[in-house]
Amino acid sequence: QVQLVESGGGLVRAGGSLRLSCLLSRSALSFYSMSWYRQAPGKQRELVAHVTEGGNTKYADSVRGRFTASRDDAKNTAYLQMNSLKPEDTAVYYCNVFTWWGQGTQVTVSS
């Protein structure tokens, strides 16, 4: 059974940084694009970043310039580096590859 395992969430003060990781449990990440989503309480899940198989990236306007998505296909792992975090970034963050979803990791930014 294919799994996506996320890690790296936590509590950080505004202006701080966190790096999320997403490990695909099979040696196939190179065949897929992948995305990061987030869902804040009472809000719909929204796309944060997308990374193509070739490493090209797209970002939501709200995070562009602060977040960086990347991938290491040799490790079957994708990353989301989050800098200059704001309280409004507080959400559960999910990685998505094809039809597979991670379990979500909580990011909380205090003011």
N, C-alpha and C. Protein backbone atom coordinates (compact mmCIF):
# COMPACT_ATOMS: atom_id res chain seq x y z
N GLN A 1 0.84 -1.18 0.00
CA GLN A 1 0.00 0.00 0.00
C GLN A 1 0.88 1.24 0.00
N VAL A 2 0.60 2.16 -0.91
CA VAL A 2 1.40 3.37 -1.01
C VAL A 2 1.00 4.34 0.09
N GLN A 3 1.99 4.95 0.71
CA GLN A 3 1.73 5.94 1.75
C GLN A 3 2.58 7.18 1.52
N LEU A 4 2.03 8.30 1.95
CA LEU A 4 2.79 9.54 2.03
C LEU A 4 2.89 9.89 3.51
N VAL A 5 4.10 10.05 3.99
CA VAL A 5 4.31 10.32 5.41
C VAL A 5 4.91 11.70 5.57
N GLU A 6 4.20 12.56 6.27
CA GLU A 6 4.64 13.93 6.47
C GLU A 6 5.30 14.09 7.83
N SER A 7 6.18 15.06 7.89
CA SER A 7 6.80 15.42 9.16
C SER A 7 7.25 16.87 9.10
N GLY A 8 7.55 17.43 10.26
CA GLY A 8 8.15 18.76 10.31
C GLY A 8 7.27 19.88 10.80
N GLY A 9 6.00 19.61 11.06
CA GLY A 9 5.15 20.67 11.58
C GLY A 9 5.50 21.02 13.01
N GLY A 10 4.82 22.04 13.53
CA GLY A 10 5.06 22.43 14.91
C GLY A 10 4.57 23.82 15.20
N LEU A 11 5.02 24.32 16.35
CA LEU A 11 4.65 25.67 16.80
C LEU A 11 5.84 26.59 16.63
N VAL A 12 5.62 27.73 16.02
CA VAL A 12 6.70 28.67 15.78
C VAL A 12 6.14 30.09 15.93
N ARG A 13 7.00 31.02 16.30
CA ARG A 13 6.58 32.41 16.40
C ARG A 13 6.56 33.06 15.02
N ALA A 14 5.77 34.09 14.90
CA ALA A 14 5.73 34.84 13.65
C ALA A 14 7.13 35.29 13.26
N GLY A 15 7.43 35.14 11.98
CA GLY A 15 8.76 35.46 11.48
C GLY A 15 9.70 34.28 11.45
N GLY A 16 9.30 33.19 12.08
CA GLY A 16 10.15 32.00 12.13
C GLY A 16 10.02 31.14 10.89
N SER A 17 10.68 29.99 10.95
CA SER A 17 10.73 29.08 9.81
C SER A 17 10.45 27.65 10.23
N LEU A 18 9.92 26.89 9.31
CA LEU A 18 9.75 25.45 9.46
C LEU A 18 9.99 24.80 8.11
N ARG A 19 10.40 23.54 8.14
CA ARG A 19 10.51 22.77 6.90
C ARG A 19 9.70 21.50 7.03
N LEU A 20 8.77 21.33 6.13
CA LEU A 20 7.97 20.12 6.08
C LEU A 20 8.60 19.13 5.11
N SER A 21 8.46 17.86 5.43
CA SER A 21 8.94 16.79 4.55
C SER A 21 7.79 15.84 4.24
N CYS A 22 7.86 15.24 3.07
CA CYS A 22 6.82 14.30 2.64
C CYS A 22 7.51 13.14 1.95
N LEU A 23 7.46 11.96 2.56
CA LEU A 23 8.13 10.77 2.05
C LEU A 23 7.12 9.85 1.38
N LEU A 24 7.39 9.49 0.13
CA LEU A 24 6.56 8.53 -0.60
C LEU A 24 7.12 7.14 -0.36
N SER A 25 6.27 6.21 0.02
CA SER A 25 6.72 4.88 0.44
C SER A 25 6.97 3.93 -0.73
N ARG A 26 7.33 4.47 -1.88
CA ARG A 26 7.73 3.64 -3.00
C ARG A 26 8.66 4.46 -3.86
N SER A 27 9.50 3.80 -4.60
CA SER A 27 10.51 4.50 -5.40
C SER A 27 9.91 4.94 -6.72
N ALA A 28 9.03 5.95 -6.64
CA ALA A 28 8.33 6.37 -7.85
C ALA A 28 8.07 7.85 -7.90
N LEU A 29 8.61 8.61 -6.95
CA LEU A 29 8.26 10.03 -6.91
C LEU A 29 8.64 10.74 -8.20
N SER A 30 9.72 10.28 -8.84
CA SER A 30 10.20 10.96 -10.04
C SER A 30 9.17 10.96 -11.17
N PHE A 31 8.19 10.07 -11.12
CA PHE A 31 7.20 9.98 -12.18
C PHE A 31 6.04 10.94 -12.02
N TYR A 32 6.00 11.63 -10.88
CA TYR A 32 4.82 12.42 -10.56
C TYR A 32 5.16 13.85 -10.20
N SER A 33 4.21 14.72 -10.51
CA SER A 33 4.24 16.03 -9.89
C SER A 33 3.67 15.89 -8.49
N MET A 34 3.90 16.88 -7.65
CA MET A 34 3.37 16.81 -6.31
C MET A 34 2.95 18.20 -5.84
N SER A 35 2.09 18.21 -4.86
CA SER A 35 1.54 19.47 -4.38
C SER A 35 1.48 19.50 -2.87
N TRP A 36 1.51 20.71 -2.35
CA TRP A 36 1.26 20.96 -0.94
C TRP A 36 -0.04 21.75 -0.83
N TYR A 37 -0.90 21.32 0.09
CA TYR A 37 -2.14 22.00 0.40
C TYR A 37 -2.16 22.34 1.88
N ARG A 38 -3.06 23.23 2.26
CA ARG A 38 -3.29 23.49 3.67
C ARG A 38 -4.77 23.76 3.92
N GLN A 39 -5.18 23.49 5.14
CA GLN A 39 -6.56 23.73 5.53
C GLN A 39 -6.58 24.31 6.93
N ALA A 40 -7.08 25.54 7.00
CA ALA A 40 -7.23 26.21 8.29
C ALA A 40 -8.63 25.92 8.84
N PRO A 41 -8.81 26.05 10.14
CA PRO A 41 -10.12 25.77 10.74
C PRO A 41 -11.22 26.61 10.10
N GLY A 42 -12.29 25.94 9.70
CA GLY A 42 -13.42 26.63 9.11
C GLY A 42 -13.23 27.08 7.68
N LYS A 43 -12.11 26.69 7.08
CA LYS A 43 -11.84 27.11 5.69
C LYS A 43 -11.66 25.89 4.80
N GLN A 44 -11.78 26.13 3.49
CA GLN A 44 -11.56 25.05 2.54
C GLN A 44 -10.07 24.78 2.37
N ARG A 45 -9.77 23.57 1.95
CA ARG A 45 -8.39 23.22 1.66
C ARG A 45 -7.93 24.02 0.44
N GLU A 46 -6.74 24.58 0.52
CA GLU A 46 -6.23 25.40 -0.57
C GLU A 46 -4.85 24.93 -1.01
N LEU A 47 -4.59 25.11 -2.29
CA LEU A 47 -3.29 24.75 -2.85
C LEU A 47 -2.26 25.80 -2.44
N VAL A 48 -1.14 25.33 -1.93
CA VAL A 48 -0.07 26.22 -1.49
C VAL A 48 1.07 26.25 -2.51
N ALA A 49 1.47 25.06 -2.96
CA ALA A 49 2.60 24.98 -3.89
C ALA A 49 2.50 23.72 -4.72
N HIS A 50 3.07 23.79 -5.92
CA HIS A 50 3.06 22.65 -6.83
C HIS A 50 4.45 22.52 -7.45
N VAL A 51 4.93 21.29 -7.51
CA VAL A 51 6.24 21.03 -8.10
C VAL A 51 6.08 19.97 -9.20
N THR A 52 6.50 20.30 -10.41
CA THR A 52 6.37 19.34 -11.50
C THR A 52 7.48 18.28 -11.42
N GLU A 53 7.38 17.26 -12.29
CA GLU A 53 8.40 16.22 -12.33
C GLU A 53 9.76 16.82 -12.64
N GLY A 54 9.78 17.87 -13.39
CA GLY A 54 11.03 18.51 -13.75
C GLY A 54 11.52 19.53 -12.74
N GLY A 55 10.76 19.73 -11.68
CA GLY A 55 11.19 20.65 -10.63
C GLY A 55 10.68 22.07 -10.77
N ASN A 56 9.84 22.33 -11.78
CA ASN A 56 9.26 23.66 -11.89
C ASN A 56 8.22 23.85 -10.79
N THR A 57 8.12 25.07 -10.30
CA THR A 57 7.26 25.33 -9.15
C THR A 57 6.25 26.44 -9.43
N LYS A 58 5.13 26.33 -8.74
CA LYS A 58 4.12 27.38 -8.72
C LYS A 58 3.65 27.55 -7.28
N TYR A 59 3.28 28.78 -6.92
CA TYR A 59 2.89 29.08 -5.55
C TYR A 59 1.61 29.89 -5.49
N ALA A 60 0.89 29.73 -4.40
CA ALA A 60 -0.22 30.63 -4.12
C ALA A 60 0.33 32.03 -3.87
N ASP A 61 -0.45 33.02 -4.23
CA ASP A 61 0.01 34.40 -4.04
C ASP A 61 0.36 34.68 -2.58
N SER A 62 -0.37 34.06 -1.67
CA SER A 62 -0.19 34.35 -0.25
C SER A 62 1.14 33.86 0.31
N VAL A 63 1.80 32.94 -0.40
CA VAL A 63 3.06 32.38 0.13
C VAL A 63 4.25 32.63 -0.78
N ARG A 64 4.00 33.15 -1.97
CA ARG A 64 5.10 33.36 -2.92
C ARG A 64 6.14 34.30 -2.33
N GLY A 65 7.40 33.89 -2.44
CA GLY A 65 8.49 34.68 -1.88
C GLY A 65 8.86 34.29 -0.47
N ARG A 66 7.99 33.52 0.18
CA ARG A 66 8.27 33.08 1.56
C ARG A 66 8.44 31.56 1.65
N PHE A 67 7.71 30.84 0.83
CA PHE A 67 7.76 29.37 0.83
C PHE A 67 8.53 28.88 -0.39
N THR A 68 9.26 27.77 -0.21
CA THR A 68 9.96 27.14 -1.32
C THR A 68 9.69 25.65 -1.31
N ALA A 69 9.11 25.17 -2.40
CA ALA A 69 8.87 23.74 -2.55
C ALA A 69 9.99 23.11 -3.36
N SER A 70 10.41 21.92 -2.95
CA SER A 70 11.48 21.23 -3.67
C SER A 70 11.27 19.73 -3.56
N ARG A 71 12.10 18.99 -4.26
CA ARG A 71 11.97 17.54 -4.23
C ARG A 71 13.33 16.90 -4.39
N ASP A 72 13.50 15.73 -3.78
CA ASP A 72 14.69 14.92 -3.94
C ASP A 72 14.20 13.54 -4.36
N ASP A 73 14.19 13.30 -5.64
CA ASP A 73 13.61 12.04 -6.14
C ASP A 73 14.43 10.83 -5.70
N ALA A 74 15.71 11.01 -5.50
CA ALA A 74 16.53 9.89 -5.05
C ALA A 74 16.11 9.42 -3.66
N LYS A 75 15.55 10.34 -2.88
CA LYS A 75 15.09 10.00 -1.53
C LYS A 75 13.57 9.84 -1.48
N ASN A 76 12.92 9.97 -2.64
CA ASN A 76 11.45 9.90 -2.69
C ASN A 76 10.80 10.87 -1.70
N THR A 77 11.39 12.03 -1.57
CA THR A 77 10.95 12.99 -0.56
C THR A 77 10.76 14.37 -1.18
N ALA A 78 9.69 15.02 -0.78
CA ALA A 78 9.45 16.40 -1.16
C ALA A 78 9.49 17.27 0.09
N TYR A 79 9.81 18.55 -0.13
CA TYR A 79 9.99 19.46 0.99
C TYR A 79 9.20 20.74 0.76
N LEU A 80 8.83 21.36 1.87
CA LEU A 80 8.27 22.71 1.81
C LEU A 80 8.98 23.54 2.87
N GLN A 81 9.86 24.40 2.42
CA GLN A 81 10.56 25.32 3.32
C GLN A 81 9.69 26.55 3.50
N MET A 82 9.36 26.85 4.73
CA MET A 82 8.46 27.97 5.03
C MET A 82 9.21 28.99 5.88
N ASN A 83 9.42 30.16 5.32
CA ASN A 83 10.11 31.24 6.02
C ASN A 83 9.17 32.41 6.26
N SER A 84 9.58 33.29 7.14
CA SER A 84 8.78 34.50 7.45
C SER A 84 7.33 34.13 7.72
N LEU A 85 7.15 33.15 8.56
CA LEU A 85 5.80 32.64 8.81
C LEU A 85 4.94 33.69 9.50
N LYS A 86 3.65 33.65 9.17
CA LYS A 86 2.67 34.57 9.71
C LYS A 86 1.57 33.79 10.43
N PRO A 87 0.88 34.42 11.36
CA PRO A 87 -0.23 33.71 12.04
C PRO A 87 -1.26 33.14 11.06
N GLU A 88 -1.47 33.82 9.95
CA GLU A 88 -2.44 33.33 8.97
C GLU A 88 -1.97 32.11 8.21
N ASP A 89 -0.72 31.70 8.41
CA ASP A 89 -0.23 30.44 7.83
C ASP A 89 -0.62 29.24 8.68
N THR A 90 -1.20 29.49 9.84
CA THR A 90 -1.61 28.40 10.72
C THR A 90 -2.66 27.53 10.02
N ALA A 91 -2.36 26.22 9.94
CA ALA A 91 -3.23 25.28 9.24
C ALA A 91 -2.66 23.88 9.38
N VAL A 92 -3.44 22.91 8.94
CA VAL A 92 -2.91 21.57 8.73
C VAL A 92 -2.42 21.52 7.29
N TYR A 93 -1.19 21.09 7.10
CA TYR A 93 -0.58 21.03 5.78
C TYR A 93 -0.54 19.58 5.30
N TYR A 94 -0.91 19.40 4.03
CA TYR A 94 -0.98 18.08 3.43
C TYR A 94 -0.12 18.04 2.16
N CYS A 95 0.54 16.92 1.94
CA CYS A 95 1.18 16.71 0.64
C CYS A 95 0.31 15.76 -0.18
N ASN A 96 0.39 15.91 -1.48
CA ASN A 96 -0.43 15.14 -2.40
C ASN A 96 0.40 14.74 -3.61
N VAL A 97 0.39 13.45 -3.91
CA VAL A 97 1.03 12.91 -5.11
C VAL A 97 0.00 11.99 -5.77
N PHE A 98 -0.36 12.32 -6.99
CA PHE A 98 -1.36 11.53 -7.73
C PHE A 98 -2.64 11.43 -6.90
N THR A 99 -3.08 10.26 -6.52
CA THR A 99 -4.29 10.13 -5.69
C THR A 99 -3.95 9.92 -4.22
N TRP A 100 -2.67 10.02 -3.89
CA TRP A 100 -2.23 9.74 -2.52
C TRP A 100 -2.10 11.03 -1.73
N TRP A 101 -2.52 10.95 -0.47
CA TRP A 101 -2.46 12.10 0.43
C TRP A 101 -1.71 11.74 1.70
N GLY A 102 -0.95 12.70 2.20
CA GLY A 102 -0.34 12.53 3.50
C GLY A 102 -1.39 12.66 4.59
N GLN A 103 -0.98 12.35 5.81
CA GLN A 103 -1.90 12.37 6.94
C GLN A 103 -2.13 13.80 7.47
N GLY A 104 -1.32 14.72 7.03
CA GLY A 104 -1.42 16.10 7.49
C GLY A 104 -0.51 16.36 8.67
N THR A 105 0.04 17.56 8.71
CA THR A 105 0.87 17.96 9.83
C THR A 105 0.48 19.39 10.23
N GLN A 106 0.34 19.60 11.53
CA GLN A 106 -0.14 20.88 12.04
C GLN A 106 0.99 21.90 12.09
N VAL A 107 0.72 23.07 11.54
CA VAL A 107 1.62 24.21 11.65
C VAL A 107 0.87 25.32 12.37
N THR A 108 1.43 25.76 13.48
CA THR A 108 0.81 26.83 14.26
C THR A 108 1.82 27.97 14.40
N VAL A 109 1.39 29.17 14.00
CA VAL A 109 2.26 30.35 14.07
C VAL A 109 1.65 31.32 15.06
N SER A 110 2.38 31.59 16.12
CA SER A 110 1.89 32.51 17.15
C SER A 110 2.35 33.94 16.84
N SER A 111 1.53 34.87 17.26
CA SER A 111 1.86 36.29 17.00
C SER A 111 2.70 36.87 18.11
